[in-house]
Amino acid sequence: MTRTFPATEAQILKARYDEAVRIKDAWDYRLQWAQAVHADATEYGGDTDATGRTITAVEIHVTDAAGELRVALNAWVNATTTTERRTA
């Protein structure tokens, strides 16, 4: 199996953007999971302080991932034309 690697600046920036999207999606999933665990702890009795701290920590990562996603998108958009983005 051969892998092709990005060769142009636009391809590199598109790959960076795609990676940022995957990272943001992963943190969003982790946040949903943490919120579900917190809801269970609240309903059935559990350490709601710990689950609350987990939610706060994950929210920080979600915000950071959103910022990185925005930076990656802006870099890709500024380096390409509309036609190039449509074909990517």
N, C-alpha and C. Protein backbone atom coordinates (compact mmCIF):
# COMPACT_ATOMS: atom_id res chain seq x y z
N MET A 1 0.84 -1.17 0.00
CA MET A 1 0.00 0.00 0.00
C MET A 1 0.89 1.24 0.00
N THR A 2 0.67 2.10 -0.93
CA THR A 2 1.45 3.33 -0.99
C THR A 2 0.59 4.49 -0.54
N ARG A 3 1.23 5.38 0.16
CA ARG A 3 0.54 6.59 0.61
C ARG A 3 1.12 7.76 -0.15
N THR A 4 0.24 8.65 -0.54
CA THR A 4 0.71 9.88 -1.16
C THR A 4 0.67 10.98 -0.11
N PHE A 5 1.66 11.80 -0.13
CA PHE A 5 1.75 12.87 0.84
C PHE A 5 1.49 14.20 0.14
N PRO A 6 0.93 15.16 0.86
CA PRO A 6 0.66 16.46 0.26
C PRO A 6 1.93 17.08 -0.31
N ALA A 7 1.79 17.66 -1.48
CA ALA A 7 2.97 18.22 -2.15
C ALA A 7 2.93 19.73 -2.21
N THR A 8 1.76 20.31 -2.32
CA THR A 8 1.67 21.75 -2.44
C THR A 8 1.27 22.37 -1.10
N GLU A 9 1.46 23.67 -1.02
CA GLU A 9 1.08 24.38 0.21
C GLU A 9 -0.41 24.22 0.49
N ALA A 10 -1.23 24.32 -0.56
CA ALA A 10 -2.68 24.18 -0.38
C ALA A 10 -3.04 22.79 0.13
N GLN A 11 -2.36 21.76 -0.37
CA GLN A 11 -2.64 20.40 0.10
C GLN A 11 -2.23 20.21 1.56
N ILE A 12 -1.11 20.80 1.93
CA ILE A 12 -0.65 20.72 3.32
C ILE A 12 -1.64 21.42 4.24
N LEU A 13 -2.10 22.61 3.83
CA LEU A 13 -3.05 23.36 4.65
C LEU A 13 -4.40 22.65 4.72
N LYS A 14 -4.81 22.01 3.63
CA LYS A 14 -6.06 21.24 3.65
C LYS A 14 -5.94 20.05 4.60
N ALA A 15 -4.80 19.38 4.58
CA ALA A 15 -4.57 18.26 5.50
C ALA A 15 -4.59 18.74 6.95
N ARG A 16 -4.00 19.91 7.19
CA ARG A 16 -4.01 20.49 8.54
C ARG A 16 -5.44 20.81 8.97
N TYR A 17 -6.22 21.35 8.07
CA TYR A 17 -7.62 21.66 8.36
C TYR A 17 -8.40 20.37 8.66
N ASP A 18 -8.22 19.35 7.82
CA ASP A 18 -8.92 18.08 8.04
C ASP A 18 -8.57 17.48 9.40
N GLU A 19 -7.29 17.56 9.77
CA GLU A 19 -6.87 17.05 11.07
C GLU A 19 -7.52 17.86 12.20
N ALA A 20 -7.59 19.17 12.03
CA ALA A 20 -8.21 20.02 13.06
C ALA A 20 -9.69 19.69 13.22
N VAL A 21 -10.36 19.37 12.12
CA VAL A 21 -11.78 18.98 12.19
C VAL A 21 -11.92 17.69 12.99
N ARG A 22 -11.05 16.71 12.72
CA ARG A 22 -11.12 15.43 13.44
C ARG A 22 -10.84 15.63 14.93
N ILE A 23 -9.88 16.47 15.26
CA ILE A 23 -9.55 16.73 16.67
C ILE A 23 -10.72 17.41 17.36
N LYS A 24 -11.32 18.40 16.71
CA LYS A 24 -12.47 19.11 17.29
C LYS A 24 -13.64 18.15 17.51
N ASP A 25 -13.90 17.29 16.53
CA ASP A 25 -14.97 16.30 16.68
C ASP A 25 -14.71 15.36 17.86
N ALA A 26 -13.46 14.95 18.02
CA ALA A 26 -13.11 14.06 19.13
C ALA A 26 -13.35 14.74 20.48
N TRP A 27 -12.96 16.00 20.59
CA TRP A 27 -13.18 16.71 21.87
C TRP A 27 -14.66 16.96 22.11
N ASP A 28 -15.42 17.22 21.05
CA ASP A 28 -16.87 17.38 21.21
C ASP A 28 -17.50 16.09 21.75
N TYR A 29 -17.04 14.95 21.23
CA TYR A 29 -17.54 13.66 21.71
C TYR A 29 -17.17 13.45 23.18
N ARG A 30 -15.93 13.79 23.52
CA ARG A 30 -15.50 13.64 24.91
C ARG A 30 -16.33 14.52 25.85
N LEU A 31 -16.69 15.72 25.38
CA LEU A 31 -17.52 16.60 26.19
C LEU A 31 -18.91 16.01 26.40
N GLN A 32 -19.50 15.47 25.34
CA GLN A 32 -20.81 14.83 25.47
C GLN A 32 -20.74 13.67 26.46
N TRP A 33 -19.67 12.90 26.38
CA TRP A 33 -19.50 11.76 27.28
C TRP A 33 -19.39 12.25 28.73
N ALA A 34 -18.58 13.29 28.95
CA ALA A 34 -18.40 13.83 30.30
C ALA A 34 -19.72 14.36 30.85
N GLN A 35 -20.50 15.00 30.00
CA GLN A 35 -21.80 15.51 30.44
C GLN A 35 -22.75 14.37 30.79
N ALA A 36 -22.70 13.28 30.04
CA ALA A 36 -23.54 12.12 30.34
C ALA A 36 -23.13 11.49 31.67
N VAL A 37 -21.83 11.38 31.90
CA VAL A 37 -21.34 10.82 33.16
C VAL A 37 -21.77 11.72 34.33
N HIS A 38 -21.71 13.03 34.13
CA HIS A 38 -22.12 13.96 35.18
C HIS A 38 -23.63 13.82 35.46
N ALA A 39 -24.41 13.68 34.40
CA ALA A 39 -25.85 13.51 34.58
C ALA A 39 -26.15 12.23 35.35
N ASP A 40 -25.43 11.16 35.03
CA ASP A 40 -25.61 9.91 35.77
C ASP A 40 -25.22 10.07 37.24
N ALA A 41 -24.11 10.76 37.47
CA ALA A 41 -23.66 10.97 38.85
C ALA A 41 -24.67 11.80 39.63
N THR A 42 -25.28 12.77 38.96
CA THR A 42 -26.28 13.60 39.61
C THR A 42 -27.54 12.80 39.92
N GLU A 43 -27.96 11.99 38.97
CA GLU A 43 -29.22 11.25 39.13
C GLU A 43 -29.08 10.08 40.10
N TYR A 44 -27.99 9.35 40.01
CA TYR A 44 -27.86 8.12 40.79
C TYR A 44 -26.92 8.25 41.98
N GLY A 45 -26.40 9.41 42.19
CA GLY A 45 -25.47 9.62 43.29
C GLY A 45 -24.06 9.29 42.85
N GLY A 46 -23.21 10.22 43.00
CA GLY A 46 -21.82 10.03 42.60
C GLY A 46 -21.05 11.29 42.90
N ASP A 47 -19.83 11.30 42.48
CA ASP A 47 -18.95 12.43 42.74
C ASP A 47 -19.19 13.51 41.68
N THR A 48 -20.17 14.35 41.93
CA THR A 48 -20.51 15.39 40.96
C THR A 48 -19.44 16.47 40.89
N ASP A 49 -18.68 16.65 41.97
CA ASP A 49 -17.59 17.63 41.93
C ASP A 49 -16.52 17.18 40.93
N ALA A 50 -16.17 15.91 40.97
CA ALA A 50 -15.15 15.39 40.06
C ALA A 50 -15.63 15.43 38.61
N THR A 51 -16.89 15.04 38.39
CA THR A 51 -17.39 15.06 37.02
C THR A 51 -17.53 16.50 36.52
N GLY A 52 -17.84 17.42 37.42
CA GLY A 52 -17.89 18.83 37.04
C GLY A 52 -16.52 19.36 36.65
N ARG A 53 -15.49 18.95 37.39
CA ARG A 53 -14.12 19.35 37.04
C ARG A 53 -13.71 18.76 35.69
N THR A 54 -14.14 17.54 35.43
CA THR A 54 -13.84 16.91 34.14
C THR A 54 -14.48 17.69 33.01
N ILE A 55 -15.73 18.08 33.19
CA ILE A 55 -16.42 18.86 32.16
C ILE A 55 -15.68 20.17 31.92
N THR A 56 -15.28 20.84 32.98
CA THR A 56 -14.57 22.12 32.84
C THR A 56 -13.27 21.93 32.07
N ALA A 57 -12.54 20.88 32.39
CA ALA A 57 -11.27 20.61 31.70
C ALA A 57 -11.50 20.31 30.22
N VAL A 58 -12.51 19.51 29.93
CA VAL A 58 -12.79 19.15 28.54
C VAL A 58 -13.27 20.37 27.76
N GLU A 59 -14.05 21.24 28.40
CA GLU A 59 -14.51 22.46 27.73
C GLU A 59 -13.33 23.33 27.31
N ILE A 60 -12.28 23.36 28.12
CA ILE A 60 -11.08 24.12 27.75
C ILE A 60 -10.47 23.54 26.48
N HIS A 61 -10.40 22.22 26.41
CA HIS A 61 -9.85 21.57 25.21
C HIS A 61 -10.73 21.81 23.99
N VAL A 62 -12.04 21.80 24.18
CA VAL A 62 -12.97 22.06 23.07
C VAL A 62 -12.74 23.47 22.53
N THR A 63 -12.61 24.43 23.42
CA THR A 63 -12.36 25.82 23.02
C THR A 63 -11.04 25.94 22.28
N ASP A 64 -10.01 25.28 22.79
CA ASP A 64 -8.70 25.30 22.15
C ASP A 64 -8.77 24.67 20.76
N ALA A 65 -9.47 23.54 20.65
CA ALA A 65 -9.60 22.87 19.35
C ALA A 65 -10.39 23.73 18.37
N ALA A 66 -11.39 24.44 18.86
CA ALA A 66 -12.16 25.33 17.98
C ALA A 66 -11.28 26.47 17.46
N GLY A 67 -10.42 26.98 18.32
CA GLY A 67 -9.50 28.03 17.88
C GLY A 67 -8.52 27.52 16.84
N GLU A 68 -7.98 26.34 17.06
CA GLU A 68 -7.06 25.75 16.09
C GLU A 68 -7.76 25.46 14.76
N LEU A 69 -9.01 25.02 14.84
CA LEU A 69 -9.79 24.78 13.63
C LEU A 69 -9.98 26.08 12.85
N ARG A 70 -10.28 27.15 13.55
CA ARG A 70 -10.47 28.45 12.89
C ARG A 70 -9.18 28.91 12.22
N VAL A 71 -8.05 28.76 12.91
CA VAL A 71 -6.76 29.14 12.34
C VAL A 71 -6.46 28.32 11.09
N ALA A 72 -6.69 27.01 11.17
CA ALA A 72 -6.42 26.13 10.03
C ALA A 72 -7.32 26.47 8.85
N LEU A 73 -8.59 26.75 9.13
CA LEU A 73 -9.52 27.11 8.05
C LEU A 73 -9.09 28.41 7.40
N ASN A 74 -8.77 29.42 8.19
CA ASN A 74 -8.34 30.70 7.63
C ASN A 74 -7.08 30.55 6.79
N ALA A 75 -6.13 29.76 7.26
CA ALA A 75 -4.89 29.56 6.50
C ALA A 75 -5.18 28.88 5.17
N TRP A 76 -6.04 27.87 5.18
CA TRP A 76 -6.37 27.16 3.95
C TRP A 76 -7.14 28.07 2.99
N VAL A 77 -8.10 28.82 3.51
CA VAL A 77 -8.91 29.71 2.67
C VAL A 77 -8.03 30.80 2.05
N ASN A 78 -7.12 31.36 2.83
CA ASN A 78 -6.27 32.43 2.31
C ASN A 78 -5.23 31.94 1.32
N ALA A 79 -4.92 30.65 1.33
CA ALA A 79 -3.90 30.11 0.44
C ALA A 79 -4.48 29.53 -0.85
N THR A 80 -5.80 29.46 -0.95
CA THR A 80 -6.41 28.82 -2.11
C THR A 80 -7.50 29.71 -2.71
N THR A 81 -7.85 29.37 -3.93
CA THR A 81 -8.97 30.05 -4.58
C THR A 81 -10.24 29.25 -4.31
N THR A 82 -11.37 29.86 -4.61
CA THR A 82 -12.65 29.18 -4.41
C THR A 82 -12.72 27.90 -5.24
N THR A 83 -12.23 27.95 -6.46
CA THR A 83 -12.25 26.78 -7.33
C THR A 83 -11.41 25.66 -6.74
N GLU A 84 -10.25 25.98 -6.21
CA GLU A 84 -9.40 24.96 -5.60
C GLU A 84 -10.08 24.33 -4.40
N ARG A 85 -10.78 25.13 -3.60
CA ARG A 85 -11.46 24.59 -2.42
C ARG A 85 -12.63 23.69 -2.81
N ARG A 86 -13.32 24.03 -3.89
CA ARG A 86 -14.44 23.20 -4.33
C ARG A 86 -13.98 21.83 -4.81
N THR A 87 -12.80 21.77 -5.40
CA THR A 87 -12.31 20.49 -5.92
C THR A 87 -11.58 19.69 -4.85
N ALA A 88 -11.29 20.31 -3.71
CA ALA A 88 -10.53 19.60 -2.65
C ALA A 88 -11.40 18.60 -1.91
